[in-house]
Amino acid sequence: VQADPLASAEDADAAIADLQSLHEGAPADLPNRSSFA
């Protein structure tokens, strides 16, 4: 929720890692898949 798209690359990488974990936990969840993509 706090991820700023203009933040540092490290912050973006951490947010993407979180989104990937959410996607892997529920691959059929389209909102998670869309956010990750």
PDB file of all heavy atoms in Angstrom:
ATOM      1  N   VAL A   1       0.829  -1.199   0.000  1.00  0.00           N
ATOM      2  CA  VAL A   1       0.000   0.000   0.000  1.00  0.00           C
ATOM      3  C   VAL A   1       0.861   1.246   0.000  1.00  0.00           C
ATOM      4  O   VAL A   1       0.517   2.248  -0.608  1.00  0.00           O
ATOM      5  CB  VAL A   1      -0.941  -0.007   1.223  1.00  0.00           C
ATOM      6  CG1 VAL A   1      -1.701   1.286   1.345  1.00  0.00           C
ATOM      7  CG2 VAL A   1      -1.888  -1.186   1.135  1.00  0.00           C
ATOM      8  N   GLN A   2       2.023   1.182   0.620  1.00  0.00           N
ATOM      9  CA  GLN A   2       2.893   2.340   0.732  1.00  0.00           C
ATOM     10  C   GLN A   2       3.858   2.467  -0.436  1.00  0.00           C
ATOM     11  O   GLN A   2       4.592   3.434  -0.521  1.00  0.00           O
ATOM     12  CB  GLN A   2       3.694   2.256   2.032  1.00  0.00           C
ATOM     13  CG  GLN A   2       2.813   2.255   3.254  1.00  0.00           C
ATOM     14  CD  GLN A   2       3.608   1.979   4.516  1.00  0.00           C
ATOM     15  OE1 GLN A   2       4.805   1.742   4.466  1.00  0.00           O
ATOM     16  NE2 GLN A   2       2.929   2.002   5.645  1.00  0.00           N
ATOM     17  N   ALA A   3       3.836   1.534  -1.356  1.00  0.00           N
ATOM     18  CA  ALA A   3       4.791   1.555  -2.463  1.00  0.00           C
ATOM     19  C   ALA A   3       4.515   2.740  -3.375  1.00  0.00           C
ATOM     20  O   ALA A   3       3.411   2.943  -3.837  1.00  0.00           O
ATOM     21  CB  ALA A   3       4.713   0.256  -3.254  1.00  0.00           C
ATOM     22  N   ASP A   4       5.511   3.524  -3.608  1.00  0.00           N
ATOM     23  CA  ASP A   4       5.436   4.679  -4.492  1.00  0.00           C
ATOM     24  C   ASP A   4       6.096   4.287  -5.809  1.00  0.00           C
ATOM     25  O   ASP A   4       7.253   3.876  -5.819  1.00  0.00           O
ATOM     26  CB  ASP A   4       6.178   5.855  -3.857  1.00  0.00           C
ATOM     27  CG  ASP A   4       6.184   7.103  -4.717  1.00  0.00           C
ATOM     28  OD1 ASP A   4       5.721   7.048  -5.877  1.00  0.00           O
ATOM     29  OD2 ASP A   4       6.654   8.125  -4.231  1.00  0.00           O
ATOM     30  N   PRO A   5       5.385   4.387  -6.931  1.00  0.00           N
ATOM     31  CA  PRO A   5       5.994   3.958  -8.189  1.00  0.00           C
ATOM     32  C   PRO A   5       7.228   4.760  -8.580  1.00  0.00           C
ATOM     33  O   PRO A   5       7.979   4.341  -9.437  1.00  0.00           O
ATOM     34  CB  PRO A   5       4.871   4.144  -9.203  1.00  0.00           C
ATOM     35  CG  PRO A   5       3.851   4.959  -8.556  1.00  0.00           C
ATOM     36  CD  PRO A   5       4.038   4.834  -7.078  1.00  0.00           C
ATOM     37  N   LEU A   6       7.438   5.898  -7.955  1.00  0.00           N
ATOM     38  CA  LEU A   6       8.624   6.687  -8.255  1.00  0.00           C
ATOM     39  C   LEU A   6       9.719   6.475  -7.217  1.00  0.00           C
ATOM     40  O   LEU A   6      10.707   7.193  -7.201  1.00  0.00           O
ATOM     41  CB  LEU A   6       8.250   8.176  -8.328  1.00  0.00           C
ATOM     42  CG  LEU A   6       7.214   8.520  -9.392  1.00  0.00           C
ATOM     43  CD1 LEU A   6       6.852   9.986  -9.327  1.00  0.00           C
ATOM     44  CD2 LEU A   6       7.694   8.144 -10.774  1.00  0.00           C
ATOM     45  N   ALA A   7       9.515   5.484  -6.362  1.00  0.00           N
ATOM     46  CA  ALA A   7      10.477   5.210  -5.299  1.00  0.00           C
ATOM     47  C   ALA A   7      11.743   4.590  -5.884  1.00  0.00           C
ATOM     48  O   ALA A   7      11.869   4.363  -7.068  1.00  0.00           O
ATOM     49  CB  ALA A   7       9.855   4.276  -4.273  1.00  0.00           C
ATOM     50  N   SER A   8      12.650   4.273  -5.023  1.00  0.00           N
ATOM     51  CA  SER A   8      13.923   3.681  -5.442  1.00  0.00           C
ATOM     52  C   SER A   8      13.698   2.313  -6.075  1.00  0.00           C
ATOM     53  O   SER A   8      12.667   1.672  -5.868  1.00  0.00           O
ATOM     54  CB  SER A   8      14.851   3.542  -4.237  1.00  0.00           C
ATOM     55  OG  SER A   8      14.372   2.528  -3.378  1.00  0.00           O
ATOM     56  N   ALA A   9      14.679   1.882  -6.826  1.00  0.00           N
ATOM     57  CA  ALA A   9      14.605   0.569  -7.463  1.00  0.00           C
ATOM     58  C   ALA A   9      14.469  -0.528  -6.418  1.00  0.00           C
ATOM     59  O   ALA A   9      13.760  -1.516  -6.638  1.00  0.00           O
ATOM     60  CB  ALA A   9      15.840   0.344  -8.331  1.00  0.00           C
ATOM     61  N   GLU A  10      15.112  -0.366  -5.284  1.00  0.00           N
ATOM     62  CA  GLU A  10      15.030  -1.372  -4.224  1.00  0.00           C
ATOM     63  C   GLU A  10      13.604  -1.474  -3.693  1.00  0.00           C
ATOM     64  O   GLU A  10      13.120  -2.574  -3.428  1.00  0.00           O
ATOM     65  CB  GLU A  10      15.999  -1.049  -3.086  1.00  0.00           C
ATOM     66  CG  GLU A  10      17.459  -1.134  -3.475  1.00  0.00           C
ATOM     67  CD  GLU A  10      17.974   0.102  -4.212  1.00  0.00           C
ATOM     68  OE1 GLU A  10      17.355   1.192  -4.123  1.00  0.00           O
ATOM     69  OE2 GLU A  10      18.995  -0.027  -4.905  1.00  0.00           O
ATOM     70  N   ASP A  11      12.941  -0.325  -3.523  1.00  0.00           N
ATOM     71  CA  ASP A  11      11.554  -0.345  -3.057  1.00  0.00           C
ATOM     72  C   ASP A  11      10.654  -1.019  -4.091  1.00  0.00           C
ATOM     73  O   ASP A  11       9.768  -1.798  -3.740  1.00  0.00           O
ATOM     74  CB  ASP A  11      11.047   1.068  -2.781  1.00  0.00           C
ATOM     75  CG  ASP A  11      11.687   1.697  -1.553  1.00  0.00           C
ATOM     76  OD1 ASP A  11      12.265   0.968  -0.735  1.00  0.00           O
ATOM     77  OD2 ASP A  11      11.597   2.939  -1.429  1.00  0.00           O
ATOM     78  N   ALA A  12      10.877  -0.704  -5.354  1.00  0.00           N
ATOM     79  CA  ALA A  12      10.075  -1.316  -6.419  1.00  0.00           C
ATOM     80  C   ALA A  12      10.312  -2.823  -6.451  1.00  0.00           C
ATOM     81  O   ALA A  12       9.353  -3.596  -6.581  1.00  0.00           O
ATOM     82  CB  ALA A  12      10.419  -0.682  -7.758  1.00  0.00           C
ATOM     83  N   ASP A  13      11.562  -3.241  -6.326  1.00  0.00           N
ATOM     84  CA  ASP A  13      11.873  -4.668  -6.328  1.00  0.00           C
ATOM     85  C   ASP A  13      11.199  -5.378  -5.159  1.00  0.00           C
ATOM     86  O   ASP A  13      10.689  -6.494  -5.311  1.00  0.00           O
ATOM     87  CB  ASP A  13      13.381  -4.899  -6.290  1.00  0.00           C
ATOM     88  CG  ASP A  13      14.078  -4.490  -7.582  1.00  0.00           C
ATOM     89  OD1 ASP A  13      13.396  -4.329  -8.624  1.00  0.00           O
ATOM     90  OD2 ASP A  13      15.313  -4.328  -7.540  1.00  0.00           O
ATOM     91  N   ALA A  14      11.198  -4.749  -3.994  1.00  0.00           N
ATOM     92  CA  ALA A  14      10.560  -5.351  -2.818  1.00  0.00           C
ATOM     93  C   ALA A  14       9.054  -5.464  -3.019  1.00  0.00           C
ATOM     94  O   ALA A  14       8.453  -6.493  -2.686  1.00  0.00           O
ATOM     95  CB  ALA A  14      10.883  -4.527  -1.571  1.00  0.00           C
ATOM     96  N   ALA A  15       8.438  -4.433  -3.580  1.00  0.00           N
ATOM     97  CA  ALA A  15       6.997  -4.483  -3.835  1.00  0.00           C
ATOM     98  C   ALA A  15       6.670  -5.563  -4.859  1.00  0.00           C
ATOM     99  O   ALA A  15       5.692  -6.297  -4.710  1.00  0.00           O
ATOM    100  CB  ALA A  15       6.504  -3.122  -4.311  1.00  0.00           C
ATOM    101  N   ILE A  16       7.492  -5.683  -5.896  1.00  0.00           N
ATOM    102  CA  ILE A  16       7.273  -6.715  -6.908  1.00  0.00           C
ATOM    103  C   ILE A  16       7.440  -8.098  -6.300  1.00  0.00           C
ATOM    104  O   ILE A  16       6.676  -9.018  -6.610  1.00  0.00           O
ATOM    105  CB  ILE A  16       8.189  -6.483  -8.125  1.00  0.00           C
ATOM    106  CG1 ILE A  16       7.664  -5.274  -8.908  1.00  0.00           C
ATOM    107  CG2 ILE A  16       8.260  -7.722  -9.011  1.00  0.00           C
ATOM    108  CD1 ILE A  16       8.573  -4.795 -10.011  1.00  0.00           C
ATOM    109  N   ALA A  17       8.386  -8.269  -5.407  1.00  0.00           N
ATOM    110  CA  ALA A  17       8.557  -9.555  -4.731  1.00  0.00           C
ATOM    111  C   ALA A  17       7.315  -9.896  -3.906  1.00  0.00           C
ATOM    112  O   ALA A  17       6.864 -11.052  -3.894  1.00  0.00           O
ATOM    113  CB  ALA A  17       9.799  -9.535  -3.850  1.00  0.00           C
ATOM    114  N   ASP A  18       6.748  -8.900  -3.233  1.00  0.00           N
ATOM    115  CA  ASP A  18       5.513  -9.123  -2.467  1.00  0.00           C
ATOM    116  C   ASP A  18       4.362  -9.511  -3.393  1.00  0.00           C
ATOM    117  O   ASP A  18       3.595 -10.431  -3.096  1.00  0.00           O
ATOM    118  CB  ASP A  18       5.132  -7.869  -1.681  1.00  0.00           C
ATOM    119  CG  ASP A  18       6.047  -7.599  -0.504  1.00  0.00           C
ATOM    120  OD1 ASP A  18       6.825  -8.494  -0.124  1.00  0.00           O
ATOM    121  OD2 ASP A  18       5.986  -6.470   0.031  1.00  0.00           O
ATOM    122  N   LEU A  19       4.235  -8.813  -4.518  1.00  0.00           N
ATOM    123  CA  LEU A  19       3.179  -9.121  -5.476  1.00  0.00           C
ATOM    124  C   LEU A  19       3.363 -10.518  -6.064  1.00  0.00           C
ATOM    125  O   LEU A  19       2.388 -11.237  -6.286  1.00  0.00           O
ATOM    126  CB  LEU A  19       3.145  -8.067  -6.583  1.00  0.00           C
ATOM    127  CG  LEU A  19       2.605  -6.706  -6.159  1.00  0.00           C
ATOM    128  CD1 LEU A  19       2.955  -5.652  -7.202  1.00  0.00           C
ATOM    129  CD2 LEU A  19       1.109  -6.773  -5.922  1.00  0.00           C
ATOM    130  N   GLN A  20       4.604 -10.900  -6.301  1.00  0.00           N
ATOM    131  CA  GLN A  20       4.874 -12.240  -6.830  1.00  0.00           C
ATOM    132  C   GLN A  20       4.449 -13.294  -5.809  1.00  0.00           C
ATOM    133  O   GLN A  20       3.851 -14.306  -6.170  1.00  0.00           O
ATOM    134  CB  GLN A  20       6.344 -12.399  -7.184  1.00  0.00           C
ATOM    135  CG  GLN A  20       6.654 -13.747  -7.794  1.00  0.00           C
ATOM    136  CD  GLN A  20       8.069 -13.840  -8.336  1.00  0.00           C
ATOM    137  OE1 GLN A  20       8.861 -12.926  -8.198  1.00  0.00           O
ATOM    138  NE2 GLN A  20       8.376 -14.941  -8.955  1.00  0.00           N
ATOM    139  N   SER A  21       4.739 -13.056  -4.539  1.00  0.00           N
ATOM    140  CA  SER A  21       4.323 -14.001  -3.494  1.00  0.00           C
ATOM    141  C   SER A  21       2.803 -14.126  -3.440  1.00  0.00           C
ATOM    142  O   SER A  21       2.273 -15.232  -3.307  1.00  0.00           O
ATOM    143  CB  SER A  21       4.853 -13.558  -2.137  1.00  0.00           C
ATOM    144  OG  SER A  21       6.245 -13.664  -2.088  1.00  0.00           O
ATOM    145  N   LEU A  22       2.115 -12.992  -3.536  1.00  0.00           N
ATOM    146  CA  LEU A  22       0.653 -13.033  -3.551  1.00  0.00           C
ATOM    147  C   LEU A  22       0.151 -13.824  -4.748  1.00  0.00           C
ATOM    148  O   LEU A  22      -0.763 -14.643  -4.627  1.00  0.00           O
ATOM    149  CB  LEU A  22       0.080 -11.620  -3.602  1.00  0.00           C
ATOM    150  CG  LEU A  22       0.142 -10.804  -2.326  1.00  0.00           C
ATOM    151  CD1 LEU A  22      -0.288  -9.368  -2.600  1.00  0.00           C
ATOM    152  CD2 LEU A  22      -0.736 -11.426  -1.255  1.00  0.00           C
ATOM    153  N   HIS A  23       0.742 -13.577  -5.894  1.00  0.00           N
ATOM    154  CA  HIS A  23       0.327 -14.291  -7.114  1.00  0.00           C
ATOM    155  C   HIS A  23       0.585 -15.788  -6.993  1.00  0.00           C
ATOM    156  O   HIS A  23      -0.271 -16.603  -7.363  1.00  0.00           O
ATOM    157  CB  HIS A  23       1.052 -13.729  -8.333  1.00  0.00           C
ATOM    158  CG  HIS A  23       0.859 -14.561  -9.556  1.00  0.00           C
ATOM    159  ND1 HIS A  23      -0.370 -14.705 -10.164  1.00  0.00           N
ATOM    160  CD2 HIS A  23       1.721 -15.330 -10.260  1.00  0.00           C
ATOM    161  CE1 HIS A  23      -0.241 -15.518 -11.198  1.00  0.00           C
ATOM    162  NE2 HIS A  23       1.017 -15.909 -11.273  1.00  0.00           N
ATOM    163  N   GLU A  24       1.736 -16.160  -6.484  1.00  0.00           N
ATOM    164  CA  GLU A  24       2.059 -17.584  -6.345  1.00  0.00           C
ATOM    165  C   GLU A  24       1.138 -18.272  -5.348  1.00  0.00           C
ATOM    166  O   GLU A  24       0.831 -19.454  -5.493  1.00  0.00           O
ATOM    167  CB  GLU A  24       3.522 -17.754  -5.952  1.00  0.00           C
ATOM    168  CG  GLU A  24       4.465 -17.394  -7.088  1.00  0.00           C
ATOM    169  CD  GLU A  24       5.926 -17.334  -6.675  1.00  0.00           C
ATOM    170  OE1 GLU A  24       6.224 -17.453  -5.474  1.00  0.00           O
ATOM    171  OE2 GLU A  24       6.760 -17.146  -7.578  1.00  0.00           O
ATOM    172  N   GLY A  25       0.681 -17.530  -4.348  1.00  0.00           N
ATOM    173  CA  GLY A  25      -0.234 -18.096  -3.357  1.00  0.00           C
ATOM    174  C   GLY A  25      -1.649 -18.257  -3.869  1.00  0.00           C
ATOM    175  O   GLY A  25      -2.403 -19.102  -3.376  1.00  0.00           O
ATOM    176  N   ALA A  26      -2.021 -17.449  -4.846  1.00  0.00           N
ATOM    177  CA  ALA A  26      -3.374 -17.509  -5.411  1.00  0.00           C
ATOM    178  C   ALA A  26      -3.314 -17.136  -6.889  1.00  0.00           C
ATOM    179  O   ALA A  26      -3.724 -16.056  -7.289  1.00  0.00           O
ATOM    180  CB  ALA A  26      -4.296 -16.559  -4.651  1.00  0.00           C
ATOM    181  N   PRO A  27      -2.779 -18.041  -7.719  1.00  0.00           N
ATOM    182  CA  PRO A  27      -2.572 -17.701  -9.131  1.00  0.00           C
ATOM    183  C   PRO A  27      -3.852 -17.403  -9.904  1.00  0.00           C
ATOM    184  O   PRO A  27      -3.802 -16.743 -10.931  1.00  0.00           O
ATOM    185  CB  PRO A  27      -1.854 -18.929  -9.702  1.00  0.00           C
ATOM    186  CG  PRO A  27      -2.019 -20.005  -8.713  1.00  0.00           C
ATOM    187  CD  PRO A  27      -2.304 -19.372  -7.391  1.00  0.00           C
ATOM    188  N   ALA A  28      -4.994 -17.849  -9.427  1.00  0.00           N
ATOM    189  CA  ALA A  28      -6.248 -17.583 -10.132  1.00  0.00           C
ATOM    190  C   ALA A  28      -6.847 -16.223  -9.775  1.00  0.00           C
ATOM    191  O   ALA A  28      -7.824 -15.799 -10.391  1.00  0.00           O
ATOM    192  CB  ALA A  28      -7.257 -18.679  -9.822  1.00  0.00           C
ATOM    193  N   ASP A  29      -6.269 -15.542  -8.812  1.00  0.00           N
ATOM    194  CA  ASP A  29      -6.784 -14.237  -8.384  1.00  0.00           C
ATOM    195  C   ASP A  29      -6.393 -13.177  -9.418  1.00  0.00           C
ATOM    196  O   ASP A  29      -5.243 -12.758  -9.489  1.00  0.00           O
ATOM    197  CB  ASP A  29      -6.215 -13.885  -7.013  1.00  0.00           C
ATOM    198  CG  ASP A  29      -6.819 -12.620  -6.433  1.00  0.00           C
ATOM    199  OD1 ASP A  29      -6.903 -11.609  -7.150  1.00  0.00           O
ATOM    200  OD2 ASP A  29      -7.186 -12.645  -5.247  1.00  0.00           O
ATOM    201  N   LEU A  30      -7.366 -12.750 -10.223  1.00  0.00           N
ATOM    202  CA  LEU A  30      -7.065 -11.825 -11.320  1.00  0.00           C
ATOM    203  C   LEU A  30      -6.596 -10.443 -10.857  1.00  0.00           C
ATOM    204  O   LEU A  30      -5.694  -9.876 -11.479  1.00  0.00           O
ATOM    205  CB  LEU A  30      -8.265 -11.705 -12.252  1.00  0.00           C
ATOM    206  CG  LEU A  30      -8.585 -12.977 -13.040  1.00  0.00           C
ATOM    207  CD1 LEU A  30      -9.795 -12.771 -13.932  1.00  0.00           C
ATOM    208  CD2 LEU A  30      -7.395 -13.421 -13.863  1.00  0.00           C
ATOM    209  N   PRO A  31      -7.151  -9.873  -9.796  1.00  0.00           N
ATOM    210  CA  PRO A  31      -6.622  -8.581  -9.349  1.00  0.00           C
ATOM    211  C   PRO A  31      -5.147  -8.657  -8.928  1.00  0.00           C
ATOM    212  O   PRO A  31      -4.364  -7.758  -9.251  1.00  0.00           O
ATOM    213  CB  PRO A  31      -7.524  -8.192  -8.176  1.00  0.00           C
ATOM    214  CG  PRO A  31      -8.814  -8.872  -8.482  1.00  0.00           C
ATOM    215  CD  PRO A  31      -8.407 -10.191  -9.104  1.00  0.00           C
ATOM    216  N   ASN A  32      -4.769  -9.732  -8.243  1.00  0.00           N
ATOM    217  CA  ASN A  32      -3.356  -9.899  -7.874  1.00  0.00           C
ATOM    218  C   ASN A  32      -2.496 -10.064  -9.113  1.00  0.00           C
ATOM    219  O   ASN A  32      -1.420  -9.479  -9.226  1.00  0.00           O
ATOM    220  CB  ASN A  32      -3.160 -11.115  -6.964  1.00  0.00           C
ATOM    221  CG  ASN A  32      -3.572 -10.860  -5.544  1.00  0.00           C
ATOM    222  OD1 ASN A  32      -3.794  -9.730  -5.140  1.00  0.00           O
ATOM    223  ND2 ASN A  32      -3.701 -11.926  -4.774  1.00  0.00           N
ATOM    224  N   ARG A  33      -2.952 -10.880 -10.054  1.00  0.00           N
ATOM    225  CA  ARG A  33      -2.212 -11.115 -11.290  1.00  0.00           C
ATOM    226  C   ARG A  33      -2.043  -9.801 -12.056  1.00  0.00           C
ATOM    227  O   ARG A  33      -0.962  -9.496 -12.557  1.00  0.00           O
ATOM    228  CB  ARG A  33      -2.947 -12.135 -12.156  1.00  0.00           C
ATOM    229  CG  ARG A  33      -2.249 -12.456 -13.463  1.00  0.00           C
ATOM    230  CD  ARG A  33      -3.100 -13.400 -14.297  1.00  0.00           C
ATOM    231  NE  ARG A  33      -3.233 -14.686 -13.666  1.00  0.00           N
ATOM    232  CZ  ARG A  33      -2.645 -15.793 -14.089  1.00  0.00           C
ATOM    233  NH1 ARG A  33      -1.896 -15.771 -15.167  1.00  0.00           N
ATOM    234  NH2 ARG A  33      -2.808 -16.926 -13.454  1.00  0.00           N
ATOM    235  N   SER A  34      -3.099  -9.033 -12.125  1.00  0.00           N
ATOM    236  CA  SER A  34      -3.053  -7.753 -12.831  1.00  0.00           C
ATOM    237  C   SER A  34      -2.097  -6.772 -12.159  1.00  0.00           C
ATOM    238  O   SER A  34      -1.307  -6.100 -12.835  1.00  0.00           O
ATOM    239  CB  SER A  34      -4.464  -7.152 -12.894  1.00  0.00           C
ATOM    240  OG  SER A  34      -4.429  -5.895 -13.485  1.00  0.00           O
ATOM    241  N   SER A  35      -2.152  -6.694 -10.852  1.00  0.00           N
ATOM    242  CA  SER A  35      -1.247  -5.804 -10.121  1.00  0.00           C
ATOM    243  C   SER A  35       0.208  -6.211 -10.314  1.00  0.00           C
ATOM    244  O   SER A  35       1.086  -5.365 -10.509  1.00  0.00           O
ATOM    245  CB  SER A  35      -1.578  -5.805  -8.624  1.00  0.00           C
ATOM    246  OG  SER A  35      -2.846  -5.256  -8.404  1.00  0.00           O
ATOM    247  N   PHE A  36       0.460  -7.492 -10.274  1.00  0.00           N
ATOM    248  CA  PHE A  36       1.804  -8.015 -10.473  1.00  0.00           C
ATOM    249  C   PHE A  36       2.286  -7.683 -11.889  1.00  0.00           C
ATOM    250  O   PHE A  36       3.407  -7.190 -12.082  1.00  0.00           O
ATOM    251  CB  PHE A  36       1.794  -9.524 -10.215  1.00  0.00           C
ATOM    252  CG  PHE A  36       3.122 -10.220 -10.333  1.00  0.00           C
ATOM    253  CD1 PHE A  36       4.304  -9.609  -9.953  1.00  0.00           C
ATOM    254  CD2 PHE A  36       3.182 -11.519 -10.799  1.00  0.00           C
ATOM    255  CE1 PHE A  36       5.529 -10.278 -10.053  1.00  0.00           C
ATOM    256  CE2 PHE A  36       4.385 -12.199 -10.905  1.00  0.00           C
ATOM    257  CZ  PHE A  36       5.562 -11.565 -10.539  1.00  0.00           C
ATOM    258  N   ALA A  37       1.439  -7.904 -12.874  1.00  0.00           N
ATOM    259  CA  ALA A  37       1.806  -7.613 -14.263  1.00  0.00           C
ATOM    260  C   ALA A  37       2.053  -6.120 -14.470  1.00  0.00           C
ATOM    261  O   ALA A  37       3.012  -5.734 -15.146  1.00  0.00           O
ATOM    262  CB  ALA A  37       0.718  -8.112 -15.212  1.00  0.00           C
TER     263      ALA A  37
END
